[in-house]
N, C-alpha and C. Protein backbone atom coordinates (compact mmCIF):
# COMPACT_ATOMS: atom_id res chain seq x y z
N MET A 1 -6.96 2.13 42.53
CA MET A 1 -7.31 2.84 43.74
C MET A 1 -8.65 2.35 44.27
N GLY A 2 -9.58 2.09 43.39
CA GLY A 2 -10.94 1.74 43.80
C GLY A 2 -11.02 0.46 44.59
N GLN A 3 -10.17 -0.52 44.30
CA GLN A 3 -10.27 -1.81 44.99
C GLN A 3 -9.83 -1.71 46.44
N LYS A 4 -9.01 -0.74 46.76
CA LYS A 4 -8.60 -0.58 48.16
C LYS A 4 -9.66 0.11 48.99
N ILE A 5 -10.47 0.92 48.37
CA ILE A 5 -11.50 1.67 49.09
C ILE A 5 -12.80 0.89 49.14
N THR A 6 -13.21 0.35 48.01
CA THR A 6 -14.45 -0.40 47.90
C THR A 6 -14.40 -1.25 46.63
N LYS A 7 -15.20 -2.28 46.59
CA LYS A 7 -15.28 -3.10 45.38
C LYS A 7 -16.20 -2.40 44.39
N LEU A 8 -15.70 -2.16 43.19
CA LEU A 8 -16.49 -1.48 42.17
C LEU A 8 -16.71 -2.40 40.98
N LYS A 9 -17.92 -2.41 40.48
CA LYS A 9 -18.22 -3.09 39.22
C LYS A 9 -17.92 -2.10 38.10
N PRO A 10 -17.80 -2.60 36.88
CA PRO A 10 -17.45 -1.69 35.78
C PRO A 10 -18.36 -0.47 35.64
N PHE A 11 -19.66 -0.65 35.77
CA PHE A 11 -20.55 0.50 35.61
C PHE A 11 -20.39 1.48 36.77
N GLU A 12 -20.05 0.99 37.96
CA GLU A 12 -19.82 1.89 39.10
C GLU A 12 -18.52 2.67 38.90
N GLY A 13 -17.51 2.02 38.33
CA GLY A 13 -16.27 2.72 38.00
C GLY A 13 -16.51 3.81 36.96
N PHE A 14 -17.35 3.48 35.98
CA PHE A 14 -17.71 4.47 34.96
C PHE A 14 -18.41 5.67 35.61
N CYS A 15 -19.33 5.39 36.53
CA CYS A 15 -20.05 6.48 37.21
C CYS A 15 -19.09 7.33 38.04
N ALA A 16 -18.15 6.68 38.73
CA ALA A 16 -17.18 7.42 39.54
C ALA A 16 -16.30 8.30 38.65
N GLU A 17 -15.83 7.75 37.53
CA GLU A 17 -15.00 8.52 36.62
C GLU A 17 -15.78 9.68 36.01
N SER A 18 -17.04 9.43 35.66
CA SER A 18 -17.88 10.49 35.09
C SER A 18 -18.12 11.60 36.10
N ALA A 19 -18.40 11.23 37.35
CA ALA A 19 -18.62 12.23 38.40
C ALA A 19 -17.34 13.04 38.62
N GLY A 20 -16.20 12.37 38.60
CA GLY A 20 -14.93 13.08 38.74
C GLY A 20 -14.69 14.05 37.60
N ALA A 21 -14.99 13.60 36.38
CA ALA A 21 -14.79 14.47 35.21
C ALA A 21 -15.70 15.69 35.26
N ILE A 22 -16.96 15.49 35.62
CA ILE A 22 -17.90 16.61 35.73
C ILE A 22 -17.44 17.59 36.79
N THR A 23 -16.97 17.06 37.91
CA THR A 23 -16.47 17.92 38.99
C THR A 23 -15.27 18.73 38.51
N LEU A 24 -14.35 18.08 37.80
CA LEU A 24 -13.17 18.80 37.30
C LEU A 24 -13.53 19.85 36.27
N PHE A 25 -14.47 19.53 35.38
CA PHE A 25 -14.91 20.53 34.40
C PHE A 25 -15.54 21.73 35.09
N ALA A 26 -16.37 21.47 36.10
CA ALA A 26 -17.02 22.57 36.82
C ALA A 26 -15.98 23.42 37.57
N ALA A 27 -15.03 22.75 38.23
CA ALA A 27 -14.00 23.49 38.96
C ALA A 27 -13.16 24.33 38.01
N THR A 28 -12.84 23.78 36.85
CA THR A 28 -12.06 24.52 35.86
C THR A 28 -12.86 25.71 35.34
N HIS A 29 -14.13 25.50 35.07
CA HIS A 29 -14.98 26.58 34.57
C HIS A 29 -15.02 27.76 35.55
N PHE A 30 -15.12 27.45 36.85
CA PHE A 30 -15.22 28.51 37.86
C PHE A 30 -13.86 28.95 38.39
N GLY A 31 -12.78 28.37 37.89
CA GLY A 31 -11.44 28.78 38.30
C GLY A 31 -11.04 28.30 39.69
N ILE A 32 -11.62 27.20 40.13
CA ILE A 32 -11.32 26.66 41.45
C ILE A 32 -10.20 25.63 41.32
N PRO A 33 -9.08 25.82 42.02
CA PRO A 33 -8.01 24.82 41.92
C PRO A 33 -8.36 23.57 42.74
N VAL A 34 -8.31 22.43 42.10
CA VAL A 34 -8.60 21.16 42.77
C VAL A 34 -7.56 20.13 42.37
N SER A 35 -7.43 19.11 43.18
CA SER A 35 -6.53 18.01 42.90
C SER A 35 -7.34 16.89 42.23
N THR A 36 -6.86 16.41 41.10
CA THR A 36 -7.57 15.34 40.42
C THR A 36 -7.61 14.07 41.27
N THR A 37 -6.55 13.82 42.03
CA THR A 37 -6.52 12.64 42.90
C THR A 37 -7.59 12.75 43.97
N HIS A 38 -7.73 13.91 44.56
CA HIS A 38 -8.75 14.11 45.60
C HIS A 38 -10.15 13.96 45.03
N VAL A 39 -10.35 14.47 43.83
CA VAL A 39 -11.67 14.40 43.20
C VAL A 39 -12.05 12.95 42.90
N ILE A 40 -11.14 12.18 42.31
CA ILE A 40 -11.48 10.80 41.97
C ILE A 40 -11.62 9.95 43.22
N THR A 41 -10.83 10.23 44.26
CA THR A 41 -11.00 9.50 45.51
C THR A 41 -12.38 9.74 46.09
N GLY A 42 -12.83 10.98 46.09
CA GLY A 42 -14.17 11.29 46.57
C GLY A 42 -15.25 10.63 45.74
N ALA A 43 -15.04 10.58 44.43
CA ALA A 43 -16.02 9.94 43.55
C ALA A 43 -16.09 8.43 43.80
N ILE A 44 -14.96 7.80 44.04
CA ILE A 44 -14.95 6.37 44.34
C ILE A 44 -15.63 6.10 45.67
N ILE A 45 -15.36 6.93 46.66
CA ILE A 45 -16.03 6.78 47.96
C ILE A 45 -17.53 6.93 47.78
N GLY A 46 -17.95 7.90 46.99
CA GLY A 46 -19.37 8.11 46.74
C GLY A 46 -20.02 6.93 46.03
N ALA A 47 -19.31 6.38 45.04
CA ALA A 47 -19.85 5.22 44.33
C ALA A 47 -19.98 4.02 45.26
N GLY A 48 -19.01 3.85 46.14
CA GLY A 48 -19.09 2.75 47.09
C GLY A 48 -20.14 2.98 48.15
N ALA A 49 -20.27 4.20 48.63
CA ALA A 49 -21.25 4.53 49.67
C ALA A 49 -22.68 4.39 49.17
N ARG A 50 -22.87 4.45 47.85
CA ARG A 50 -24.19 4.25 47.28
C ARG A 50 -24.74 2.87 47.64
N LYS A 51 -23.83 1.89 47.80
CA LYS A 51 -24.25 0.53 48.15
C LYS A 51 -24.47 0.36 49.65
N GLY A 52 -24.15 1.37 50.42
CA GLY A 52 -24.28 1.32 51.87
C GLY A 52 -22.96 1.63 52.53
N ALA A 53 -23.04 2.12 53.76
CA ALA A 53 -21.83 2.52 54.48
C ALA A 53 -20.88 1.35 54.71
N SER A 54 -21.42 0.16 54.83
CA SER A 54 -20.56 -1.00 55.11
C SER A 54 -19.76 -1.44 53.88
N ALA A 55 -20.09 -0.95 52.69
CA ALA A 55 -19.38 -1.32 51.47
C ALA A 55 -18.05 -0.60 51.34
N VAL A 56 -17.86 0.47 52.09
CA VAL A 56 -16.62 1.27 52.02
C VAL A 56 -15.69 0.83 53.14
N LYS A 57 -14.42 0.64 52.81
CA LYS A 57 -13.40 0.31 53.82
C LYS A 57 -12.98 1.62 54.47
N TRP A 58 -13.60 1.92 55.59
CA TRP A 58 -13.42 3.23 56.21
C TRP A 58 -12.04 3.43 56.81
N GLY A 59 -11.34 2.36 57.15
CA GLY A 59 -9.96 2.50 57.65
C GLY A 59 -9.06 3.09 56.58
N VAL A 60 -9.15 2.55 55.37
CA VAL A 60 -8.37 3.06 54.24
C VAL A 60 -8.82 4.47 53.89
N THR A 61 -10.13 4.67 53.88
CA THR A 61 -10.70 5.97 53.53
C THR A 61 -10.26 7.04 54.53
N THR A 62 -10.26 6.70 55.81
CA THR A 62 -9.84 7.66 56.84
C THR A 62 -8.39 8.08 56.63
N LYS A 63 -7.53 7.11 56.32
CA LYS A 63 -6.12 7.44 56.06
C LYS A 63 -6.01 8.37 54.85
N ASN A 64 -6.77 8.08 53.81
CA ASN A 64 -6.75 8.95 52.63
C ASN A 64 -7.22 10.36 52.97
N LEU A 65 -8.32 10.45 53.71
CA LEU A 65 -8.87 11.77 54.04
C LEU A 65 -7.93 12.56 54.95
N LEU A 66 -7.29 11.88 55.91
CA LEU A 66 -6.32 12.57 56.77
C LEU A 66 -5.13 13.05 55.96
N GLY A 67 -4.68 12.24 55.02
CA GLY A 67 -3.59 12.66 54.15
C GLY A 67 -3.96 13.86 53.30
N MET A 68 -5.20 13.84 52.76
CA MET A 68 -5.66 14.97 51.97
C MET A 68 -5.77 16.23 52.82
N ALA A 69 -6.29 16.09 54.03
CA ALA A 69 -6.46 17.26 54.90
C ALA A 69 -5.11 17.86 55.27
N SER A 70 -4.13 17.01 55.59
CA SER A 70 -2.82 17.54 55.96
C SER A 70 -2.14 18.18 54.75
N TYR A 71 -2.28 17.57 53.59
CA TYR A 71 -1.71 18.13 52.37
C TYR A 71 -2.35 19.48 52.06
N ASN A 72 -3.67 19.52 52.11
CA ASN A 72 -4.38 20.77 51.79
C ASN A 72 -4.06 21.87 52.78
N SER A 73 -3.94 21.55 54.07
CA SER A 73 -3.62 22.58 55.05
C SER A 73 -2.20 23.10 54.85
N CYS A 74 -1.29 22.21 54.46
CA CYS A 74 0.09 22.64 54.20
C CYS A 74 0.13 23.58 52.99
N ILE A 75 -0.55 23.20 51.93
CA ILE A 75 -0.57 24.03 50.73
C ILE A 75 -1.27 25.36 51.02
N SER A 76 -2.38 25.30 51.76
CA SER A 76 -3.12 26.52 52.08
C SER A 76 -2.29 27.47 52.92
N SER A 77 -1.57 26.93 53.90
CA SER A 77 -0.78 27.81 54.75
C SER A 77 0.34 28.47 53.95
N ARG A 78 0.94 27.75 53.03
CA ARG A 78 1.99 28.34 52.19
C ARG A 78 1.38 29.37 51.24
N TRP A 79 0.19 29.07 50.72
CA TRP A 79 -0.46 30.00 49.80
C TRP A 79 -0.90 31.26 50.53
N CYS A 80 -1.46 31.08 51.73
CA CYS A 80 -1.95 32.24 52.49
C CYS A 80 -0.80 33.14 52.94
N ASN A 81 0.36 32.56 53.17
CA ASN A 81 1.51 33.34 53.62
C ASN A 81 2.35 33.84 52.45
N ASN A 82 1.89 33.59 51.22
CA ASN A 82 2.57 34.02 50.01
C ASN A 82 4.02 33.54 49.94
N VAL A 83 4.26 32.32 50.42
CA VAL A 83 5.58 31.72 50.30
C VAL A 83 5.68 31.14 48.91
N PRO A 84 6.74 31.45 48.18
CA PRO A 84 6.85 30.92 46.82
C PRO A 84 7.04 29.41 46.82
N PHE A 85 6.43 28.75 45.85
CA PHE A 85 6.57 27.30 45.69
C PHE A 85 7.83 27.04 44.88
N SER A 86 8.87 26.60 45.56
CA SER A 86 10.11 26.32 44.82
C SER A 86 10.67 24.99 45.18
């Protein structure tokens, strides 16, 4: 996933994975439901953005973010309306 968003060196991949893991542990601790895919995507974007905005392929990132937003709004609307997930 990382190579499509930005070029990552091994230590940057480690930092992205660590940030994702910490985020997931915190979300689990506080009982916040999160998507692991969304968390790691955000961590990869953050690791790439550390090198500057031009290091991130924003076309790919925009598609990912739009997909996440539409997915989250669909899930939220079903959850808010108490429609069973079947």
